[in-house]
N, C-alpha and C. Protein backbone atom coordinates (compact mmCIF):
# COMPACT_ATOMS: atom_id res chain seq x y z
N UNK A 1 55.33 70.62 17.13
CA UNK A 1 54.53 70.03 18.29
C UNK A 1 52.91 70.20 18.13
N UNK A 2 52.05 69.90 18.91
CA UNK A 2 51.05 69.49 18.93
C UNK A 2 50.53 69.90 20.80
N UNK A 3 49.89 71.03 20.38
CA UNK A 3 49.42 71.01 22.22
C UNK A 3 47.31 70.90 22.42
N UNK A 4 47.02 70.48 23.55
CA UNK A 4 45.79 70.52 23.56
C UNK A 4 45.08 71.39 24.17
N UNK A 5 43.98 72.56 23.70
CA UNK A 5 43.22 73.56 23.89
C UNK A 5 41.80 73.31 24.35
N UNK A 6 41.43 74.00 25.20
CA UNK A 6 39.97 74.58 25.20
C UNK A 6 39.21 74.63 23.74
N UNK A 7 38.70 73.73 23.21
CA UNK A 7 37.83 74.15 21.85
C UNK A 7 36.51 75.21 22.17
N UNK A 8 35.62 74.18 22.77
CA UNK A 8 34.51 74.96 23.28
C UNK A 8 33.58 74.59 24.71
N UNK A 9 33.29 75.33 25.15
CA UNK A 9 32.30 75.37 26.76
C UNK A 9 31.03 75.24 26.72
N UNK A 10 30.10 74.88 27.45
CA UNK A 10 28.89 74.93 27.76
C UNK A 10 28.94 75.20 29.30
N UNK A 11 28.41 76.31 29.58
CA UNK A 11 29.07 76.62 31.19
C UNK A 11 27.84 77.05 31.94
N UNK A 12 27.33 75.82 32.83
CA UNK A 12 26.21 75.63 34.30
C UNK A 12 24.92 75.24 33.44
N UNK A 13 25.15 74.27 32.74
CA UNK A 13 23.85 73.47 32.00
C UNK A 13 23.52 72.94 32.68
N UNK A 14 22.25 72.93 33.38
CA UNK A 14 21.42 72.14 34.50
C UNK A 14 20.78 70.77 33.66
N UNK A 15 21.35 69.68 34.79
CA UNK A 15 20.45 68.83 33.98
C UNK A 15 18.91 68.29 34.17
N UNK A 16 18.52 68.11 33.02
CA UNK A 16 16.99 68.08 32.80
C UNK A 16 16.29 66.63 33.22
N UNK A 17 16.94 65.57 33.10
CA UNK A 17 16.84 63.93 33.23
C UNK A 17 17.82 63.39 33.10
N UNK A 18 17.67 62.09 33.73
CA UNK A 18 18.88 60.62 33.74
C UNK A 18 17.72 59.90 33.16
N UNK A 19 18.80 58.79 32.51
CA UNK A 19 18.20 57.37 31.95
C UNK A 19 19.43 56.32 31.77
N UNK A 20 19.71 55.38 32.66
CA UNK A 20 20.59 54.95 33.37
C UNK A 20 20.29 53.55 32.11
N UNK A 21 18.91 53.78 31.77
CA UNK A 21 19.04 52.49 30.57
C UNK A 21 19.37 52.57 29.10
N UNK A 22 19.86 53.82 28.59
CA UNK A 22 20.25 54.03 27.48
C UNK A 22 22.16 53.80 27.38
N UNK A 23 22.43 53.39 26.15
CA UNK A 23 23.66 53.10 26.09
C UNK A 23 24.86 54.04 26.39
N UNK A 24 24.52 55.24 26.19
CA UNK A 24 25.78 55.93 27.31
C UNK A 24 25.60 57.14 26.27
N UNK A 25 26.32 58.50 27.09
CA UNK A 25 26.41 59.77 26.50
C UNK A 25 25.79 60.68 27.16
N UNK A 26 25.81 62.02 26.90
CA UNK A 26 25.42 63.18 27.54
C UNK A 26 24.68 63.83 25.86
N UNK A 27 22.85 63.94 26.25
CA UNK A 27 22.11 64.07 25.08
C UNK A 27 22.38 65.73 25.82
N UNK A 28 22.64 66.63 24.63
CA UNK A 28 22.53 67.99 24.58
C UNK A 28 21.07 68.47 23.63
N UNK A 29 20.77 69.76 23.92
CA UNK A 29 19.91 70.50 22.74
C UNK A 29 20.64 71.06 21.76
N UNK A 30 20.17 70.57 20.47
CA UNK A 30 21.43 71.01 19.18
C UNK A 30 21.47 71.97 19.07
N UNK A 31 20.40 73.48 19.55
CA UNK A 31 20.99 74.64 20.01
C UNK A 31 22.21 75.27 20.24
N UNK A 32 22.57 74.00 21.54
CA UNK A 32 23.63 74.40 21.95
C UNK A 32 24.95 73.79 21.19
N UNK A 33 24.75 72.77 20.74
CA UNK A 33 25.75 72.16 20.40
C UNK A 33 25.99 72.96 19.32
N UNK A 34 25.27 73.60 18.04
CA UNK A 34 25.59 74.38 17.18
C UNK A 34 25.88 75.69 17.42
N UNK A 35 25.86 76.48 18.86
CA UNK A 35 26.64 77.28 19.30
C UNK A 35 27.54 77.53 19.75
N UNK A 36 28.02 76.31 20.20
CA UNK A 36 29.70 75.95 20.38
C UNK A 36 30.41 75.12 19.54
N UNK A 37 30.27 74.92 18.25
CA UNK A 37 30.69 73.63 17.27
C UNK A 37 30.59 72.86 17.51
N UNK A 38 30.05 71.92 18.60
CA UNK A 38 30.66 71.07 19.37
C UNK A 38 29.62 69.51 18.54
N UNK A 39 29.69 68.70 18.12
CA UNK A 39 29.32 67.25 16.87
C UNK A 39 28.71 66.18 17.69
N UNK A 40 27.80 65.84 17.49
CA UNK A 40 27.34 64.40 17.96
C UNK A 40 28.21 63.82 17.61
N UNK A 41 28.30 62.87 19.08
CA UNK A 41 29.56 61.51 18.93
C UNK A 41 30.76 61.90 19.32
N UNK A 42 30.85 63.23 19.44
CA UNK A 42 32.53 63.96 19.76
C UNK A 42 32.71 63.62 21.11
N UNK A 43 34.03 63.48 21.55
CA UNK A 43 34.31 63.42 23.08
C UNK A 43 34.37 64.61 23.69
N UNK A 44 33.63 64.32 24.99
CA UNK A 44 33.65 65.44 25.85
C UNK A 44 33.86 65.44 27.20
N UNK A 45 34.08 66.49 28.00
CA UNK A 45 34.40 66.38 29.81
C UNK A 45 33.43 66.69 30.17
N UNK A 46 33.38 66.23 31.45
CA UNK A 46 31.92 66.92 31.69
C UNK A 46 32.18 67.07 33.45
N UNK A 47 32.28 68.28 33.90
CA UNK A 47 32.31 68.20 35.46
C UNK A 47 31.10 68.69 35.95
N UNK A 48 30.47 68.01 36.87
CA UNK A 48 29.34 68.55 37.50
C UNK A 48 29.53 69.16 38.84
N UNK A 49 29.02 70.60 39.12
CA UNK A 49 29.26 71.79 39.73
C UNK A 49 28.62 71.61 41.45
N UNK A 50 27.82 70.68 41.13
CA UNK A 50 26.89 70.01 42.85
C UNK A 50 28.05 69.18 43.45
N UNK A 51 28.33 67.93 43.02
CA UNK A 51 29.02 67.20 43.33
C UNK A 51 30.30 66.99 43.25
N UNK A 52 31.47 67.63 42.38
CA UNK A 52 32.39 67.29 41.87
C UNK A 52 32.57 66.37 41.31
N UNK A 53 31.89 65.65 40.81
CA UNK A 53 32.27 64.52 39.45
C UNK A 53 32.91 64.97 38.40
N UNK A 54 33.65 64.49 37.89
CA UNK A 54 34.08 64.49 36.00
C UNK A 54 34.51 62.97 35.93
N UNK A 55 33.61 63.27 34.55
CA UNK A 55 33.85 62.09 33.47
C UNK A 55 33.77 62.54 31.92
N UNK A 56 34.40 61.56 31.21
CA UNK A 56 34.49 61.83 29.76
C UNK A 56 32.84 60.95 29.31
N UNK A 57 32.72 61.07 27.95
CA UNK A 57 31.68 60.86 27.50
C UNK A 57 31.49 61.42 26.45
N UNK A 58 30.79 61.01 25.18
CA UNK A 58 30.43 61.87 24.37
C UNK A 58 29.16 62.76 24.09
N UNK A 59 28.68 63.80 22.86
CA UNK A 59 27.36 64.50 23.43
C UNK A 59 26.79 63.54 22.06
N UNK A 60 25.27 63.45 22.32
CA UNK A 60 24.81 63.49 21.36
C UNK A 60 23.19 63.84 21.04
N UNK A 61 22.48 64.40 20.31
CA UNK A 61 21.52 65.44 19.61
C UNK A 61 20.15 65.12 20.32
N UNK A 62 20.05 66.09 21.33
CA UNK A 62 18.30 66.11 21.77
C UNK A 62 18.07 67.74 20.87
N UNK A 63 16.76 67.35 20.87
CA UNK A 63 15.80 68.15 20.28
C UNK A 63 16.26 70.29 20.40
N UNK A 64 16.35 70.28 19.17
CA UNK A 64 16.24 71.62 19.24
C UNK A 64 15.66 72.55 19.83
N UNK A 65 15.76 73.78 20.73
CA UNK A 65 14.97 74.36 21.77
C UNK A 65 14.49 73.62 22.64
N UNK A 66 15.06 72.20 22.77
CA UNK A 66 13.92 71.65 24.04
C UNK A 66 15.02 71.96 25.16
N UNK A 67 15.83 72.49 25.26
CA UNK A 67 16.39 72.72 26.70
C UNK A 67 17.14 71.32 27.28
N UNK A 68 17.29 70.21 26.67
CA UNK A 68 17.90 69.28 27.52
C UNK A 68 18.81 68.55 27.18
N UNK A 69 19.26 68.56 29.00
CA UNK A 69 20.64 68.12 28.98
C UNK A 69 20.56 66.69 29.75
N UNK A 70 20.77 65.93 29.28
CA UNK A 70 20.40 64.15 30.33
C UNK A 70 21.33 63.50 30.01
N UNK A 71 21.85 63.37 31.05
CA UNK A 71 23.01 62.17 31.65
C UNK A 71 22.29 60.78 31.18
N UNK A 72 23.36 59.86 30.39
CA UNK A 72 22.74 58.52 29.79
C UNK A 72 23.79 57.61 30.25
N UNK A 73 23.29 56.45 30.57
CA UNK A 73 23.92 55.48 30.85
C UNK A 73 24.93 55.45 32.51
N UNK A 74 26.24 54.88 32.36
CA UNK A 74 26.72 55.17 33.62
C UNK A 74 26.96 56.54 34.12
N UNK A 75 26.66 57.68 33.48
CA UNK A 75 26.72 58.76 34.07
C UNK A 75 25.84 59.05 34.47
N UNK A 76 24.44 58.28 34.40
CA UNK A 76 23.47 58.92 35.18
C UNK A 76 23.52 58.34 36.44
N UNK A 77 24.37 57.94 37.03
CA UNK A 77 24.85 57.68 38.37
C UNK A 77 25.65 58.40 38.66
N UNK A 78 25.87 60.08 37.78
CA UNK A 78 27.06 60.95 38.21
C UNK A 78 26.39 62.13 38.68
N UNK A 79 25.16 62.37 38.33
CA UNK A 79 24.26 63.61 38.48
C UNK A 79 22.81 63.45 38.62
N UNK A 80 22.27 64.62 38.93
CA UNK A 80 21.02 64.23 39.09
C UNK A 80 20.43 65.74 38.31
N UNK A 81 18.69 65.32 38.25
CA UNK A 81 17.64 66.47 37.76
C UNK A 81 18.33 67.67 38.49
N UNK A 82 18.60 69.10 37.82
CA UNK A 82 18.39 69.70 38.60
C UNK A 82 20.33 70.70 39.18
N UNK A 83 21.39 69.46 38.70
CA UNK A 83 22.73 69.67 38.86
C UNK A 83 23.07 70.43 37.76
N UNK A 84 24.43 71.78 37.59
CA UNK A 84 24.68 72.23 36.69
C UNK A 84 26.12 71.49 36.41
N UNK A 85 26.46 71.72 35.15
CA UNK A 85 27.50 70.92 34.69
C UNK A 85 28.11 72.04 33.54
N UNK A 86 29.42 71.60 33.47
CA UNK A 86 30.42 72.27 32.48
C UNK A 86 31.08 71.35 31.53
N UNK A 87 30.28 71.75 30.27
CA UNK A 87 31.09 70.62 28.98
C UNK A 87 31.73 71.04 28.41
N UNK A 88 32.82 70.71 28.15
CA UNK A 88 33.95 70.86 27.26
C UNK A 88 34.41 70.15 26.25
N UNK A 89 34.73 70.56 25.27
CA UNK A 89 35.73 69.91 24.14
C UNK A 89 37.29 70.20 24.05
N UNK A 90 37.45 69.42 23.65
CA UNK A 90 38.80 70.18 23.31
C UNK A 90 39.68 69.95 21.84
N UNK A 91 40.85 70.50 21.27
CA UNK A 91 41.45 70.36 19.83
C UNK A 91 42.96 69.91 20.04
N UNK A 92 43.50 69.93 18.82
CA UNK A 92 44.81 70.10 18.96
C UNK A 92 45.39 71.04 18.20
N UNK A 93 46.57 71.73 18.71
CA UNK A 93 46.57 72.88 18.10
C UNK A 93 48.32 73.12 17.79
N UNK A 94 48.78 73.56 16.67
CA UNK A 94 50.40 74.04 16.48
C UNK A 94 50.45 75.15 17.46
N UNK A 95 51.80 76.06 17.69
CA UNK A 95 52.05 77.01 18.29
C UNK A 95 51.30 77.72 17.17
N UNK A 96 51.79 77.98 16.42
CA UNK A 96 51.35 79.18 15.14
C UNK A 96 49.46 78.89 15.35
N UNK A 97 48.81 78.07 15.43
CA UNK A 97 47.07 78.04 14.74
C UNK A 97 46.91 78.27 16.41
N UNK A 98 47.67 78.29 17.65
CA UNK A 98 46.98 79.10 18.72
C UNK A 98 46.98 80.45 19.10
N UNK A 99 47.89 81.07 18.16
CA UNK A 99 48.14 82.81 18.21
C UNK A 99 46.73 83.15 18.29
N UNK A 100 46.03 82.68 17.46
CA UNK A 100 44.72 83.15 17.42
C UNK A 100 43.41 82.77 17.93
N UNK A 101 43.82 81.66 18.32
CA UNK A 101 42.79 80.39 18.88
C UNK A 101 41.81 81.34 20.01
N UNK A 102 40.39 81.18 19.72
CA UNK A 102 39.65 81.81 20.86
C UNK A 102 38.55 80.67 21.30
N UNK A 103 38.27 80.26 22.47
CA UNK A 103 37.28 79.08 22.85
C UNK A 103 36.15 79.73 22.46
N UNK A 104 34.98 78.87 21.90
CA UNK A 104 33.89 79.22 22.11
C UNK A 104 32.88 78.89 23.39
N UNK A 105 32.17 79.71 23.27
CA UNK A 105 32.15 79.59 25.09
C UNK A 105 30.48 80.21 25.25
N UNK A 106 29.19 79.18 25.63
CA UNK A 106 27.70 79.98 26.04
C UNK A 106 28.12 79.59 27.51
N UNK A 107 26.79 80.44 28.09
CA UNK A 107 26.55 80.67 29.05
C UNK A 107 25.24 79.94 29.39
N UNK A 108 24.97 79.44 30.35
CA UNK A 108 23.39 78.49 30.31
C UNK A 108 22.76 79.16 31.50
N UNK A 109 21.54 80.15 31.68
CA UNK A 109 21.07 80.42 32.73
C UNK A 109 20.24 79.15 33.47
N UNK A 110 19.46 79.45 34.50
CA UNK A 110 18.54 78.64 35.44
C UNK A 110 17.58 77.62 34.25
N UNK A 111 16.75 78.19 33.15
CA UNK A 111 16.09 77.49 32.20
C UNK A 111 16.57 76.80 31.29
N UNK A 112 18.28 76.84 31.53
CA UNK A 112 18.48 76.46 30.32
C UNK A 112 18.60 76.85 28.61
N UNK A 113 18.38 78.84 28.85
CA UNK A 113 18.17 79.46 27.91
C UNK A 113 20.02 79.99 27.88
N UNK A 114 20.56 80.41 26.80
CA UNK A 114 21.90 81.19 26.45
C UNK A 114 21.72 82.63 27.02
N UNK A 115 22.22 82.83 27.94
CA UNK A 115 22.43 84.12 28.60
C UNK A 115 23.88 85.10 28.03
N UNK A 116 24.68 84.32 27.75
CA UNK A 116 25.78 84.79 27.33
C UNK A 116 26.83 84.20 26.29
N UNK A 117 27.28 84.34 25.64
CA UNK A 117 28.03 83.53 24.66
C UNK A 117 29.34 84.50 24.05
N UNK A 118 30.53 83.96 24.28
CA UNK A 118 31.99 84.71 23.83
C UNK A 118 32.91 83.56 22.67
N UNK A 119 33.15 84.28 21.86
CA UNK A 119 33.97 83.23 20.72
C UNK A 119 33.19 82.70 19.87
N UNK A 120 31.92 83.03 19.79
CA UNK A 120 31.19 82.18 18.68
C UNK A 120 30.67 83.17 17.33
């Protein structure tokens, strides 16, 4: 049997922009993606700490070092610049794999700088 567990999380990411005309997704600074081993086009779950909205989309790479977190397409209606997000990816593991699994997690500060890492 496989169980679905948290694989990685970017906690308290600040939205830097929104583009409703883009075809969809969430743009995330490449450094953040690499830090938690998220891949471009990977399915993600996003929670908005400001308004309580939760939505699924996929990650796309923003320029490394830009600090960008941009809501695109329909997701642009679910938040605003300055909102804080929790961005999560999941994996499926066997009971045996679960024994050693530690989710990769980063916490971002007010200017979208990494202020804490766990499991990375």
